[in-house]
């Protein structure tokens, strides 16, 4: 089971340092947060993109996804959403990342309208994504927190270049068991994000295995070769312990779970 960690857990850290941490602590990949103030961002120059590819290659670390903040079901006009999607797809292709993470962000309006917006927009970029060799992965999050709701949306899109990113915390908080989430998402699954928390009332990130999330049940459901990424939400929880000292134990725990330990 290949392991990655999200650079969300090390905000502002230069890519060369994030890759070094991965290589030294048993993580084969990185999920690259794409945002202003990060090494990876939408306005990267061609030179910066080539340098990032070199940095990752030199460390032997795979970029498993570009974590964008596009909301594919967001209310409003399609044009800015499609522009953001296309920008992220081109950046992912330039960096050698096989996927772009997007959010639903469907809002509080009628669920059917949010689904229709997402289906329309995802369908509009699916052919370009496929041509670039990049999948658009919609995360179980916000308006589509549960795997079953997201699975129904993706069933309507029905394109191999569009899939799901299973965030275990959100499906758990939606009241689903890992088996229920996996059954709904398996036909579309890209990769999985794991994390740990104290409970629904305290989302401060914890070391893997120290909280209430069913990480073991999730990991043991996955097919061989499926990527598992640790997303540690450091920017939103400044009181959380720093991620780097936790990386070695986290990798060992996940590897042990997959082996049945």
Protein backbone atom coordinates (compact mmCIF):
# COMPACT_ATOMS: atom_id res chain seq x y z
CA UNK A 1 0.00 0.00 0.00
CA UNK A 2 1.70 3.21 -1.10
CA UNK A 3 1.51 6.07 1.40
CA UNK A 4 1.40 9.83 0.89
CA UNK A 5 0.93 12.76 3.17
CA UNK A 6 -0.72 16.05 2.33
CA UNK A 7 1.39 19.20 2.40
CA UNK A 8 -1.58 20.79 4.17
CA UNK A 9 0.12 19.44 7.29
CA UNK A 10 3.28 21.49 6.71
CA UNK A 11 1.93 24.87 5.54
CA UNK A 12 4.47 27.06 3.77
CA UNK A 13 7.22 24.45 3.89
CA UNK A 14 9.38 24.48 0.74
CA UNK A 15 8.68 21.53 -1.54
CA UNK A 16 12.24 20.25 -1.23
CA UNK A 17 11.78 19.94 2.55
CA UNK A 18 8.34 18.34 2.26
CA UNK A 19 9.77 15.77 -0.16
CA UNK A 20 12.74 15.11 2.10
CA UNK A 21 10.44 14.44 5.05
CA UNK A 22 8.41 12.00 2.95
CA UNK A 23 11.47 10.10 1.75
CA UNK A 24 13.02 9.91 5.21
CA UNK A 25 9.91 8.72 7.05
CA UNK A 26 8.41 6.05 4.82
CA UNK A 27 6.02 8.05 2.65
CA UNK A 28 6.24 7.39 -1.07
CA UNK A 29 4.07 10.30 -2.21
CA UNK A 30 2.78 13.78 -1.54
CA UNK A 31 -0.66 15.26 -1.99
CA UNK A 32 0.23 18.81 -3.04
CA UNK A 33 -1.85 21.59 -1.55
CA UNK A 34 -2.40 24.18 -4.28
CA UNK A 35 -2.93 27.60 -2.71
CA UNK A 36 -1.44 31.07 -2.48
CA UNK A 37 1.49 31.11 -0.07
CA UNK A 38 2.46 27.52 -0.89
CA UNK A 39 5.29 26.29 -3.09
CA UNK A 40 2.64 24.86 -5.40
CA UNK A 41 0.10 27.46 -6.50
CA UNK A 42 -2.02 28.27 -9.56
CA UNK A 43 0.31 31.01 -10.87
CA UNK A 44 3.50 28.90 -10.99
CA UNK A 45 5.75 29.79 -13.90
CA UNK A 46 6.95 27.19 -16.38
CA UNK A 47 10.37 27.30 -14.72
CA UNK A 48 8.84 26.74 -11.28
CA UNK A 49 6.86 23.80 -12.58
CA UNK A 50 9.95 22.16 -14.06
CA UNK A 51 11.86 22.79 -10.83
CA UNK A 52 9.09 21.14 -8.80
CA UNK A 53 9.18 18.06 -11.04
CA UNK A 54 12.95 17.87 -10.59
CA UNK A 55 12.66 18.23 -6.80
CA UNK A 56 10.13 15.42 -6.50
CA UNK A 57 12.02 13.16 -8.87
CA UNK A 58 15.32 13.70 -7.06
CA UNK A 59 13.67 12.66 -3.78
CA UNK A 60 11.94 9.66 -5.34
CA UNK A 61 8.56 11.00 -4.23
CA UNK A 62 5.37 10.72 -6.31
CA UNK A 63 2.91 13.64 -6.54
CA UNK A 64 -0.36 11.73 -6.18
CA UNK A 65 -2.73 14.69 -6.55
CA UNK A 66 -2.98 18.45 -6.76
CA UNK A 67 -5.30 19.55 -3.94
CA UNK A 68 -7.24 22.45 -5.44
CA UNK A 69 -10.03 24.48 -3.84
CA UNK A 70 -12.41 24.51 -6.80
CA UNK A 71 -16.04 23.92 -5.81
CA UNK A 72 -17.69 22.01 -8.63
CA UNK A 73 -21.24 22.31 -7.28
CA UNK A 74 -20.93 25.92 -6.08
CA UNK A 75 -23.82 28.29 -6.82
CA UNK A 76 -23.21 30.85 -9.55
CA UNK A 77 -21.99 30.95 -13.11
CA UNK A 78 -20.19 28.00 -14.64
CA UNK A 79 -17.44 30.06 -16.30
CA UNK A 80 -15.21 30.78 -13.27
CA UNK A 81 -15.56 27.22 -12.00
CA UNK A 82 -14.61 25.78 -15.37
CA UNK A 83 -11.67 28.18 -15.65
CA UNK A 84 -10.40 27.11 -12.24
CA UNK A 85 -10.79 23.46 -13.12
CA UNK A 86 -8.89 23.84 -16.38
CA UNK A 87 -6.09 25.78 -14.72
CA UNK A 88 -5.72 23.07 -12.08
CA UNK A 89 -5.77 20.29 -14.67
CA UNK A 90 -2.96 21.90 -16.67
CA UNK A 91 -0.88 22.45 -13.54
CA UNK A 92 -1.37 18.85 -12.41
CA UNK A 93 -0.32 17.59 -15.84
CA UNK A 94 2.79 19.79 -15.78
CA UNK A 95 3.75 18.46 -12.34
CA UNK A 96 3.12 14.83 -13.26
CA UNK A 97 0.24 14.51 -10.79
CA UNK A 98 -2.45 12.04 -11.94
CA UNK A 99 -5.35 13.77 -10.18
CA UNK A 100 -6.86 17.09 -9.13
CA UNK A 101 -8.82 17.22 -5.88
CA UNK A 102 -11.94 19.38 -5.96
CA UNK A 103 -14.65 20.11 -3.40
CA UNK A 104 -18.44 20.02 -3.92
CA UNK A 105 -19.32 23.34 -2.16
CA UNK A 106 -22.93 22.85 -3.19
CA UNK A 107 -24.28 25.33 -0.65
CA UNK A 108 -27.58 25.26 1.23
CA UNK A 109 -29.92 25.33 -1.76
CA UNK A 110 -31.88 22.43 -3.22
CA UNK A 111 -29.64 19.34 -3.42
CA UNK A 112 -30.86 18.53 -6.93
CA UNK A 113 -29.66 21.89 -8.21
CA UNK A 114 -26.23 21.43 -6.66
CA UNK A 115 -25.94 17.99 -8.23
CA UNK A 116 -26.98 19.33 -11.63
CA UNK A 117 -24.31 22.05 -11.50
CA UNK A 118 -21.62 19.55 -10.55
CA UNK A 119 -22.62 17.04 -13.22
CA UNK A 120 -22.70 19.74 -15.90
CA UNK A 121 -19.29 21.15 -15.00
CA UNK A 122 -17.55 17.82 -14.48
CA UNK A 123 -18.90 16.56 -17.79
CA UNK A 124 -17.64 19.72 -19.50
CA UNK A 125 -14.00 19.12 -18.47
CA UNK A 126 -13.92 15.32 -18.54
CA UNK A 127 -12.54 15.00 -22.07
CA UNK A 128 -9.78 17.55 -21.40
CA UNK A 129 -8.87 15.78 -18.17
CA UNK A 130 -8.67 12.46 -19.95
CA UNK A 131 -6.50 13.93 -22.72
CA UNK A 132 -4.10 15.31 -20.09
CA UNK A 133 -3.98 12.02 -18.21
CA UNK A 134 -5.43 13.61 -15.06
CA UNK A 135 -8.54 12.58 -13.11
CA UNK A 136 -10.81 15.04 -11.33
CA UNK A 137 -11.48 13.61 -7.86
CA UNK A 138 -14.41 15.08 -5.92
CA UNK A 139 -13.81 14.85 -2.19
CA UNK A 140 -16.44 13.66 0.27
CA UNK A 141 -16.87 17.06 1.89
CA UNK A 142 -19.35 19.81 2.84
CA UNK A 143 -22.60 19.43 0.80
CA UNK A 144 -21.62 15.90 -0.30
CA UNK A 145 -20.03 14.69 2.92
CA UNK A 146 -21.38 11.15 2.66
CA UNK A 147 -20.08 8.59 0.22
CA UNK A 148 -23.54 7.54 -0.85
CA UNK A 149 -24.54 11.03 -1.96
CA UNK A 150 -21.26 11.61 -3.78
CA UNK A 151 -21.48 8.18 -5.37
CA UNK A 152 -24.90 8.98 -6.82
CA UNK A 153 -23.53 12.20 -8.33
CA UNK A 154 -20.57 10.41 -9.89
CA UNK A 155 -22.85 7.69 -11.26
CA UNK A 156 -24.55 10.45 -13.27
CA UNK A 157 -21.26 11.76 -14.66
CA UNK A 158 -20.13 8.23 -15.58
CA UNK A 159 -16.74 9.18 -17.02
CA UNK A 160 -13.41 7.48 -16.20
CA UNK A 161 -11.65 10.83 -15.83
CA UNK A 162 -13.98 11.83 -12.97
CA UNK A 163 -13.86 10.04 -9.64
CA UNK A 164 -13.95 10.25 -5.86
CA UNK A 165 -11.53 11.15 -3.12
CA UNK A 166 -12.71 9.43 0.06
CA UNK A 167 -12.07 11.61 3.12
CA UNK A 168 -12.68 9.22 6.00
CA UNK A 169 -13.46 11.93 8.55
CA UNK A 170 -16.32 13.37 6.54
CA UNK A 171 -17.99 10.07 5.73
CA UNK A 172 -17.70 9.09 9.41
CA UNK A 173 -19.29 12.37 10.49
CA UNK A 174 -22.03 11.79 7.91
CA UNK A 175 -22.93 8.64 9.86
CA UNK A 176 -21.56 6.07 7.41
CA UNK A 177 -19.49 3.03 8.26
CA UNK A 178 -16.36 2.50 6.18
CA UNK A 179 -18.05 -0.47 4.50
CA UNK A 180 -21.01 1.70 3.46
CA UNK A 181 -18.76 4.46 2.14
CA UNK A 182 -16.53 2.05 0.26
CA UNK A 183 -19.47 0.30 -1.37
CA UNK A 184 -20.75 3.62 -2.70
CA UNK A 185 -17.38 4.99 -3.81
CA UNK A 186 -15.50 1.90 -5.00
CA UNK A 187 -16.55 2.21 -8.67
CA UNK A 188 -15.14 5.75 -8.74
CA UNK A 189 -12.38 5.66 -6.14
CA UNK A 190 -9.15 7.54 -6.72
CA UNK A 191 -7.39 7.61 -3.36
CA UNK A 192 -8.26 7.85 0.32
CA UNK A 193 -7.49 10.51 2.92
CA UNK A 194 -7.18 9.33 6.49
CA UNK A 195 -6.75 11.38 9.66
CA UNK A 196 -7.72 11.18 13.32
CA UNK A 197 -9.69 13.42 15.68
CA UNK A 198 -11.06 13.32 19.22
CA UNK A 199 -14.68 13.47 18.05
CA UNK A 200 -17.32 15.44 16.20
CA UNK A 201 -17.00 18.28 18.70
CA UNK A 202 -13.22 18.60 18.38
CA UNK A 203 -11.68 18.28 14.92
CA UNK A 204 -8.15 19.13 16.05
CA UNK A 205 -5.86 16.68 14.23
CA UNK A 206 -4.33 13.91 16.31
CA UNK A 207 -1.64 11.33 15.59
CA UNK A 208 -3.06 8.42 13.61
CA UNK A 209 -4.57 5.87 15.94
CA UNK A 210 -5.03 8.34 18.81
CA UNK A 211 -8.62 9.32 18.02
CA UNK A 212 -12.03 7.92 17.12
CA UNK A 213 -11.90 7.53 13.36
CA UNK A 214 -12.07 3.95 12.00
CA UNK A 215 -8.76 4.13 10.17
CA UNK A 216 -8.07 0.41 10.40
CA UNK A 217 -11.50 -0.57 9.05
CA UNK A 218 -11.04 1.84 6.14
CA UNK A 219 -7.54 0.75 5.17
CA UNK A 220 -8.37 -2.95 5.25
CA UNK A 221 -11.15 -2.46 2.70
CA UNK A 222 -8.89 -1.01 0.03
CA UNK A 223 -7.65 -2.94 -2.99
CA UNK A 224 -3.91 -3.61 -3.37
CA UNK A 225 -2.01 -0.63 -4.69
CA UNK A 226 -4.53 1.98 -3.52
CA UNK A 227 -2.90 5.16 -2.28
CA UNK A 228 -3.63 6.28 1.28
CA UNK A 229 -2.87 9.91 2.15
CA UNK A 230 -2.67 11.39 5.64
CA UNK A 231 -4.35 14.80 5.65
CA UNK A 232 -3.36 16.71 8.79
CA UNK A 233 -5.31 19.99 8.94
CA UNK A 234 -2.60 22.09 10.56
CA UNK A 235 -3.59 25.54 9.21
CA UNK A 236 -7.04 25.44 10.81
CA UNK A 237 -5.79 24.13 14.16
CA UNK A 238 -2.66 26.03 15.25
CA UNK A 239 -2.66 24.31 18.65
CA UNK A 240 -2.19 20.88 17.06
CA UNK A 241 1.15 19.13 17.45
CA UNK A 242 3.53 19.71 14.53
CA UNK A 243 3.22 17.02 11.87
CA UNK A 244 6.89 16.25 10.99
CA UNK A 245 7.73 14.42 14.26
CA UNK A 246 4.62 12.25 13.78
CA UNK A 247 5.34 11.09 10.24
CA UNK A 248 7.48 8.05 11.04
CA UNK A 249 5.00 6.55 13.50
CA UNK A 250 2.10 7.34 11.16
CA UNK A 251 3.69 5.48 8.27
CA UNK A 252 4.46 2.51 10.49
CA UNK A 253 0.90 2.37 11.80
CA UNK A 254 -0.64 2.41 8.32
CA UNK A 255 1.76 -0.19 7.01
CA UNK A 256 0.94 -2.40 9.97
CA UNK A 257 -2.79 -2.06 9.42
CA UNK A 258 -2.49 -3.06 5.80
CA UNK A 259 -0.44 -6.08 6.78
CA UNK A 260 -3.17 -7.10 9.20
CA UNK A 261 -1.31 -6.06 12.34
